[in-house]
Amino acid sequence: MSTTYKLNKREKNGKFEYTVTDENGTIITKRTSARNYVACTIRGRFYFGRLDLIGKGDHGKILNKANLILSDPKQAYNEDLKVWNASYRNEWKSKNPFERWLTESTEWANKMKSEFDAIAYL
């Protein structure tokens, strides 16, 4: 059973105070801002001023990378390898063998998916 999260907003001193709560009313995160938001990730790392921005920008990049690691780890490994210039690739590869990289990256990807897939709405 999945947990339901809610973004709450109240005006405070000319700004907005946002809280994310779970179904029991437990506050997960807080933020005060002059900006008007309609949604956020449950830990408050990304706030969205419009619904069509969910999954875009850095939020989308992180989710896309996590999805690639979980669905096609070899391709994700090769993408990470491409980041480095040719003279450093072999050294990076020896420091990050695929099996070790896969263990660490899968853990990271699962964490990012659980945190960034869950969106709290007003």
C-alpha atoms as a PDB file:
ATOM      1  CA  MET A   1       0.000   0.000   0.000  1.00  0.00           C
ATOM      2  CA  SER A   2       1.452   3.354  -0.981  1.00  0.00           C
ATOM      3  CA  THR A   3       1.476   6.388   1.246  1.00  0.00           C
ATOM      4  CA  THR A   4      -0.379   9.505   0.173  1.00  0.00           C
ATOM      5  CA  TYR A   5       1.370  12.837   0.598  1.00  0.00           C
ATOM      6  CA  LYS A   6      -0.153  16.302   0.540  1.00  0.00           C
ATOM      7  CA  LEU A   7       1.348  19.731   0.002  1.00  0.00           C
ATOM      8  CA  ASN A   8      -0.185  22.303   2.333  1.00  0.00           C
ATOM      9  CA  LYS A   9       0.162  26.065   1.942  1.00  0.00           C
ATOM     10  CA  ARG A  10      -0.533  28.909   4.311  1.00  0.00           C
ATOM     11  CA  GLU A  11       0.369  32.565   4.166  1.00  0.00           C
ATOM     12  CA  LYS A  12       2.836  33.735   6.776  1.00  0.00           C
ATOM     13  CA  ASN A  13       4.393  37.214   6.971  1.00  0.00           C
ATOM     14  CA  GLY A  14       3.723  37.990   3.312  1.00  0.00           C
ATOM     15  CA  LYS A  15       5.241  34.684   2.169  1.00  0.00           C
ATOM     16  CA  PHE A  16       3.932  31.163   1.825  1.00  0.00           C
ATOM     17  CA  GLU A  17       4.787  28.389   4.221  1.00  0.00           C
ATOM     18  CA  TYR A  18       4.635  24.968   2.576  1.00  0.00           C
ATOM     19  CA  THR A  19       4.550  21.665   4.419  1.00  0.00           C
ATOM     20  CA  VAL A  20       4.426  18.156   3.051  1.00  0.00           C
ATOM     21  CA  THR A  21       2.438  15.790   5.229  1.00  0.00           C
ATOM     22  CA  ASP A  22       1.713  12.096   5.010  1.00  0.00           C
ATOM     23  CA  GLU A  23      -1.725  10.547   5.472  1.00  0.00           C
ATOM     24  CA  ASN A  24      -1.295  10.649   9.264  1.00  0.00           C
ATOM     25  CA  GLY A  25      -0.588  14.385   9.223  1.00  0.00           C
ATOM     26  CA  THR A  26       3.096  13.915  10.029  1.00  0.00           C
ATOM     27  CA  ILE A  27       5.163  16.753   8.588  1.00  0.00           C
ATOM     28  CA  ILE A  28       7.828  15.420   6.228  1.00  0.00           C
ATOM     29  CA  THR A  29       9.355  18.739   5.158  1.00  0.00           C
ATOM     30  CA  LYS A  30       8.790  22.515   5.368  1.00  0.00           C
ATOM     31  CA  ARG A  31       9.669  25.449   3.163  1.00  0.00           C
ATOM     32  CA  THR A  32       8.956  29.176   3.242  1.00  0.00           C
ATOM     33  CA  SER A  33       8.944  30.994  -0.080  1.00  0.00           C
ATOM     34  CA  ALA A  34       7.501  34.029  -1.806  1.00  0.00           C
ATOM     35  CA  ARG A  35       6.821  31.819  -4.837  1.00  0.00           C
ATOM     36  CA  ASN A  36       3.554  30.066  -5.505  1.00  0.00           C
ATOM     37  CA  TYR A  37       3.913  26.275  -5.881  1.00  0.00           C
ATOM     38  CA  VAL A  38       1.378  23.602  -6.798  1.00  0.00           C
ATOM     39  CA  ALA A  39       3.434  20.448  -6.153  1.00  0.00           C
ATOM     40  CA  CYS A  40       6.770  19.165  -4.876  1.00  0.00           C
ATOM     41  CA  THR A  41       8.745  16.000  -4.326  1.00  0.00           C
ATOM     42  CA  ILE A  42       7.977  14.478  -0.940  1.00  0.00           C
ATOM     43  CA  ARG A  43      11.317  15.416   0.630  1.00  0.00           C
ATOM     44  CA  GLY A  44      11.064  18.958  -0.788  1.00  0.00           C
ATOM     45  CA  ARG A  45      14.069  18.803  -3.083  1.00  0.00           C
ATOM     46  CA  PHE A  46      12.067  20.068  -6.069  1.00  0.00           C
ATOM     47  CA  TYR A  47       9.084  22.421  -6.012  1.00  0.00           C
ATOM     48  CA  PHE A  48       6.936  23.017  -9.083  1.00  0.00           C
ATOM     49  CA  GLY A  49       5.076  26.200  -9.968  1.00  0.00           C
ATOM     50  CA  ARG A  50       3.088  24.356 -12.666  1.00  0.00           C
ATOM     51  CA  LEU A  51       2.101  20.719 -13.056  1.00  0.00           C
ATOM     52  CA  ASP A  52       3.658  20.476 -16.523  1.00  0.00           C
ATOM     53  CA  LEU A  53       7.100  21.105 -14.971  1.00  0.00           C
ATOM     54  CA  ILE A  54       7.058  17.780 -13.097  1.00  0.00           C
ATOM     55  CA  GLY A  55       9.617  15.498 -14.716  1.00  0.00           C
ATOM     56  CA  LYS A  56      11.394  18.352 -16.483  1.00  0.00           C
ATOM     57  CA  GLY A  57      14.782  19.968 -15.843  1.00  0.00           C
ATOM     58  CA  ASP A  58      16.986  18.440 -13.159  1.00  0.00           C
ATOM     59  CA  HIS A  59      14.047  16.472 -11.746  1.00  0.00           C
ATOM     60  CA  GLY A  60      13.557  14.764 -15.104  1.00  0.00           C
ATOM     61  CA  LYS A  61      17.292  14.183 -15.622  1.00  0.00           C
ATOM     62  CA  ILE A  62      17.629  12.426 -12.288  1.00  0.00           C
ATOM     63  CA  LEU A  63      14.562  10.247 -12.920  1.00  0.00           C
ATOM     64  CA  ASN A  64      15.732   9.407 -16.454  1.00  0.00           C
ATOM     65  CA  LYS A  65      19.161   8.360 -15.185  1.00  0.00           C
ATOM     66  CA  ALA A  66      17.626   6.254 -12.402  1.00  0.00           C
ATOM     67  CA  ASN A  67      15.247   4.588 -14.871  1.00  0.00           C
ATOM     68  CA  LEU A  68      18.116   3.844 -17.276  1.00  0.00           C
ATOM     69  CA  ILE A  69      20.210   2.270 -14.504  1.00  0.00           C
ATOM     70  CA  LEU A  70      17.311   0.027 -13.496  1.00  0.00           C
ATOM     71  CA  SER A  71      16.200  -0.896 -17.017  1.00  0.00           C
ATOM     72  CA  ASP A  72      19.505  -1.089 -18.933  1.00  0.00           C
ATOM     73  CA  PRO A  73      22.487  -1.014 -16.579  1.00  0.00           C
ATOM     74  CA  LYS A  74      25.075  -1.734 -19.313  1.00  0.00           C
ATOM     75  CA  GLN A  75      23.951   1.291 -21.300  1.00  0.00           C
ATOM     76  CA  ALA A  76      23.918   3.451 -18.143  1.00  0.00           C
ATOM     77  CA  TYR A  77      27.464   2.284 -17.305  1.00  0.00           C
ATOM     78  CA  ASN A  78      28.628   3.190 -20.807  1.00  0.00           C
ATOM     79  CA  GLU A  79      26.950   6.604 -20.494  1.00  0.00           C
ATOM     80  CA  ASP A  80      28.848   7.214 -17.246  1.00  0.00           C
ATOM     81  CA  LEU A  81      32.038   6.101 -18.956  1.00  0.00           C
ATOM     82  CA  LYS A  82      31.494   8.576 -21.829  1.00  0.00           C
ATOM     83  CA  VAL A  83      31.540  11.500 -19.392  1.00  0.00           C
ATOM     84  CA  TRP A  84      35.300  11.105 -18.928  1.00  0.00           C
ATOM     85  CA  ASN A  85      37.844  12.138 -21.539  1.00  0.00           C
ATOM     86  CA  ALA A  86      39.526   9.334 -23.449  1.00  0.00           C
ATOM     87  CA  SER A  87      42.779   9.540 -21.488  1.00  0.00           C
ATOM     88  CA  TYR A  88      40.990   8.921 -18.166  1.00  0.00           C
ATOM     89  CA  ARG A  89      38.391   6.314 -19.227  1.00  0.00           C
ATOM     90  CA  ASN A  90      40.543   3.239 -18.637  1.00  0.00           C
ATOM     91  CA  GLU A  91      41.570   4.485 -15.210  1.00  0.00           C
ATOM     92  CA  TRP A  92      37.914   5.226 -14.322  1.00  0.00           C
ATOM     93  CA  LYS A  93      36.888   1.799 -15.573  1.00  0.00           C
ATOM     94  CA  SER A  94      39.521   0.078 -13.423  1.00  0.00           C
ATOM     95  CA  LYS A  95      38.426   2.075 -10.349  1.00  0.00           C
ATOM     96  CA  ASN A  96      34.739   1.408 -11.096  1.00  0.00           C
ATOM     97  CA  PRO A  97      34.312  -2.158 -12.368  1.00  0.00           C
ATOM     98  CA  PHE A  98      30.826  -2.834 -13.683  1.00  0.00           C
ATOM     99  CA  GLU A  99      29.708  -5.094 -10.810  1.00  0.00           C
ATOM    100  CA  ARG A 100      30.702  -2.589  -8.109  1.00  0.00           C
ATOM    101  CA  TRP A 101      29.256   0.302 -10.123  1.00  0.00           C
ATOM    102  CA  LEU A 102      26.020  -1.669 -10.597  1.00  0.00           C
ATOM    103  CA  THR A 103      25.606  -2.306  -6.861  1.00  0.00           C
ATOM    104  CA  GLU A 104      26.187   1.338  -5.946  1.00  0.00           C
ATOM    105  CA  SER A 105      24.177   2.736  -8.841  1.00  0.00           C
ATOM    106  CA  THR A 106      21.199   0.439  -8.289  1.00  0.00           C
ATOM    107  CA  GLU A 107      21.044   1.528  -4.658  1.00  0.00           C
ATOM    108  CA  TRP A 108      21.194   5.194  -5.738  1.00  0.00           C
ATOM    109  CA  ALA A 109      18.587   4.679  -8.502  1.00  0.00           C
ATOM    110  CA  ASN A 110      16.107   2.995  -6.158  1.00  0.00           C
ATOM    111  CA  LYS A 111      16.519   5.810  -3.634  1.00  0.00           C
ATOM    112  CA  MET A 112      15.998   8.508  -6.277  1.00  0.00           C
ATOM    113  CA  LYS A 113      12.951   6.729  -7.732  1.00  0.00           C
ATOM    114  CA  SER A 114      11.277   6.403  -4.351  1.00  0.00           C
ATOM    115  CA  GLU A 115      11.990  10.031  -3.459  1.00  0.00           C
ATOM    116  CA  PHE A 116      11.337  11.706  -6.825  1.00  0.00           C
ATOM    117  CA  ASP A 117       8.445   9.618  -8.144  1.00  0.00           C
ATOM    118  CA  ALA A 118       6.316  10.509  -5.118  1.00  0.00           C
ATOM    119  CA  ILE A 119       4.812  13.952  -5.644  1.00  0.00           C
ATOM    120  CA  ALA A 120       2.819  15.938  -3.087  1.00  0.00           C
ATOM    121  CA  TYR A 121       0.076  18.136  -4.555  1.00  0.00           C
ATOM    122  CA  LEU A 122      -1.882  21.031  -3.081  1.00  0.00           C
END
